[in-house]
Amino acid sequence: MKDRRWLNRQKAWDIAERSLNNLKKNDTSFMREQIVETAKTRGFWSVWMTVFVEDTDMLKRFIHAFPGTCKTCFNDQFQPIPRPGGAL
């Protein structure tokens, strides 16, 4: 059977982009919470972080919502900090 992870990632990317557009039309706390729930269900954390890169509130929500995400690996703007030698 073929590896279809790329297809699942593409679907997650499409949903993340639609979610961003929906948030722009209806920026409420409920919408933000729903997007986080959708992201957790679909997975592909890095997709959501990339699509919402300009929304620090959403980045913070994703960082806190996904178990195992190192919260100290991000600066005050929720952008990754340099980790010399790949230290986690």
C-alpha atoms as a PDB file:
ATOM      1  CA  MET A   1       0.000   0.000   0.000  1.00  0.00           C
ATOM      2  CA  LYS A   2       1.279   3.454  -0.873  1.00  0.00           C
ATOM      3  CA  ASP A   3       2.390   5.926   1.752  1.00  0.00           C
ATOM      4  CA  ARG A   4      -0.418   8.467   1.954  1.00  0.00           C
ATOM      5  CA  ARG A   5       0.876  10.650   4.780  1.00  0.00           C
ATOM      6  CA  TRP A   6       1.414  13.466   2.273  1.00  0.00           C
ATOM      7  CA  LEU A   7      -2.315  13.360   1.467  1.00  0.00           C
ATOM      8  CA  ASN A   8      -3.265  13.597   5.150  1.00  0.00           C
ATOM      9  CA  ARG A   9      -0.854  16.505   5.554  1.00  0.00           C
ATOM     10  CA  GLN A  10      -2.358  18.261   2.519  1.00  0.00           C
ATOM     11  CA  LYS A  11      -5.865  17.817   3.940  1.00  0.00           C
ATOM     12  CA  ALA A  12      -4.728  19.254   7.273  1.00  0.00           C
ATOM     13  CA  TRP A  13      -3.153  22.210   5.439  1.00  0.00           C
ATOM     14  CA  ASP A  14      -6.387  22.881   3.535  1.00  0.00           C
ATOM     15  CA  ILE A  15      -8.424  22.744   6.746  1.00  0.00           C
ATOM     16  CA  ALA A  16      -5.955  25.042   8.516  1.00  0.00           C
ATOM     17  CA  GLU A  17      -6.203  27.610   5.712  1.00  0.00           C
ATOM     18  CA  ARG A  18     -10.011  27.461   5.752  1.00  0.00           C
ATOM     19  CA  SER A  19      -9.907  27.837   9.528  1.00  0.00           C
ATOM     20  CA  LEU A  20      -7.709  30.921   9.226  1.00  0.00           C
ATOM     21  CA  ASN A  21     -10.122  32.455   6.707  1.00  0.00           C
ATOM     22  CA  ASN A  22     -13.077  31.641   8.973  1.00  0.00           C
ATOM     23  CA  LEU A  23     -11.288  33.251  11.909  1.00  0.00           C
ATOM     24  CA  LYS A  24     -10.733  36.420   9.887  1.00  0.00           C
ATOM     25  CA  LYS A  25     -14.491  36.583   9.265  1.00  0.00           C
ATOM     26  CA  ASN A  26     -15.528  35.674  12.808  1.00  0.00           C
ATOM     27  CA  ASP A  27     -12.777  36.365  15.343  1.00  0.00           C
ATOM     28  CA  THR A  28     -14.304  35.132  18.581  1.00  0.00           C
ATOM     29  CA  SER A  29     -12.972  33.135  21.494  1.00  0.00           C
ATOM     30  CA  PHE A  30     -15.325  30.306  20.547  1.00  0.00           C
ATOM     31  CA  MET A  31     -13.940  30.197  16.992  1.00  0.00           C
ATOM     32  CA  ARG A  32     -10.374  30.138  18.330  1.00  0.00           C
ATOM     33  CA  GLU A  33     -11.210  27.282  20.701  1.00  0.00           C
ATOM     34  CA  GLN A  34     -12.887  25.350  17.901  1.00  0.00           C
ATOM     35  CA  ILE A  35      -9.856  25.758  15.642  1.00  0.00           C
ATOM     36  CA  VAL A  36      -7.603  24.382  18.377  1.00  0.00           C
ATOM     37  CA  GLU A  37      -9.906  21.377  18.801  1.00  0.00           C
ATOM     38  CA  THR A  38      -9.844  20.788  15.060  1.00  0.00           C
ATOM     39  CA  ALA A  39      -6.044  21.052  15.011  1.00  0.00           C
ATOM     40  CA  LYS A  40      -5.708  18.539  17.836  1.00  0.00           C
ATOM     41  CA  THR A  41      -8.007  16.121  16.038  1.00  0.00           C
ATOM     42  CA  ARG A  42      -6.295  16.450  12.642  1.00  0.00           C
ATOM     43  CA  GLY A  43      -2.738  16.588  13.956  1.00  0.00           C
ATOM     44  CA  PHE A  44       0.171  18.003  11.962  1.00  0.00           C
ATOM     45  CA  TRP A  45       1.110  20.604  14.551  1.00  0.00           C
ATOM     46  CA  SER A  46       3.711  22.214  12.287  1.00  0.00           C
ATOM     47  CA  VAL A  47       1.082  22.842   9.604  1.00  0.00           C
ATOM     48  CA  TRP A  48      -1.095  24.795  12.028  1.00  0.00           C
ATOM     49  CA  MET A  49       1.902  26.720  13.364  1.00  0.00           C
ATOM     50  CA  THR A  50       2.896  27.672   9.817  1.00  0.00           C
ATOM     51  CA  VAL A  51      -0.565  28.676   8.595  1.00  0.00           C
ATOM     52  CA  PHE A  52      -1.225  30.787  11.722  1.00  0.00           C
ATOM     53  CA  VAL A  53       2.329  32.183  11.957  1.00  0.00           C
ATOM     54  CA  GLU A  54       1.091  35.796  12.146  1.00  0.00           C
ATOM     55  CA  ASP A  55      -1.432  35.172  14.967  1.00  0.00           C
ATOM     56  CA  THR A  56       0.524  34.942  18.221  1.00  0.00           C
ATOM     57  CA  ASP A  57      -2.586  34.092  20.230  1.00  0.00           C
ATOM     58  CA  MET A  58      -3.267  31.030  18.065  1.00  0.00           C
ATOM     59  CA  LEU A  59       0.396  29.999  18.190  1.00  0.00           C
ATOM     60  CA  LYS A  60       0.242  30.126  21.982  1.00  0.00           C
ATOM     61  CA  ARG A  61      -2.943  28.065  21.970  1.00  0.00           C
ATOM     62  CA  PHE A  62      -1.412  25.409  19.692  1.00  0.00           C
ATOM     63  CA  ILE A  63       1.755  25.222  21.795  1.00  0.00           C
ATOM     64  CA  HIS A  64      -0.299  24.645  24.938  1.00  0.00           C
ATOM     65  CA  ALA A  65      -2.836  22.305  23.326  1.00  0.00           C
ATOM     66  CA  PHE A  66      -0.512  19.702  21.839  1.00  0.00           C
ATOM     67  CA  PRO A  67       0.912  17.380  24.509  1.00  0.00           C
ATOM     68  CA  GLY A  68       4.677  17.117  24.534  1.00  0.00           C
ATOM     69  CA  THR A  69       5.311  20.540  23.005  1.00  0.00           C
ATOM     70  CA  CYS A  70       8.272  22.200  24.721  1.00  0.00           C
ATOM     71  CA  LYS A  71       6.939  25.555  25.874  1.00  0.00           C
ATOM     72  CA  THR A  72      10.427  26.867  26.673  1.00  0.00           C
ATOM     73  CA  CYS A  73      11.506  26.425  23.034  1.00  0.00           C
ATOM     74  CA  PHE A  74       9.614  29.585  22.008  1.00  0.00           C
ATOM     75  CA  ASN A  75      10.179  33.284  22.618  1.00  0.00           C
ATOM     76  CA  ASP A  76       7.607  35.862  23.802  1.00  0.00           C
ATOM     77  CA  GLN A  77       6.188  36.050  20.270  1.00  0.00           C
ATOM     78  CA  PHE A  78       5.805  32.239  20.223  1.00  0.00           C
ATOM     79  CA  GLN A  79       8.447  31.859  17.545  1.00  0.00           C
ATOM     80  CA  PRO A  80      11.044  29.074  17.888  1.00  0.00           C
ATOM     81  CA  ILE A  81      14.250  30.040  19.617  1.00  0.00           C
ATOM     82  CA  PRO A  82      17.664  28.913  18.339  1.00  0.00           C
ATOM     83  CA  ARG A  83      18.851  25.662  19.923  1.00  0.00           C
ATOM     84  CA  PRO A  84      22.592  25.289  19.267  1.00  0.00           C
ATOM     85  CA  GLY A  85      23.476  21.684  18.645  1.00  0.00           C
ATOM     86  CA  GLY A  86      19.791  20.744  18.486  1.00  0.00           C
ATOM     87  CA  ALA A  87      19.307  20.842  22.268  1.00  0.00           C
ATOM     88  CA  LEU A  88      15.698  20.237  23.182  1.00  0.00           C
END
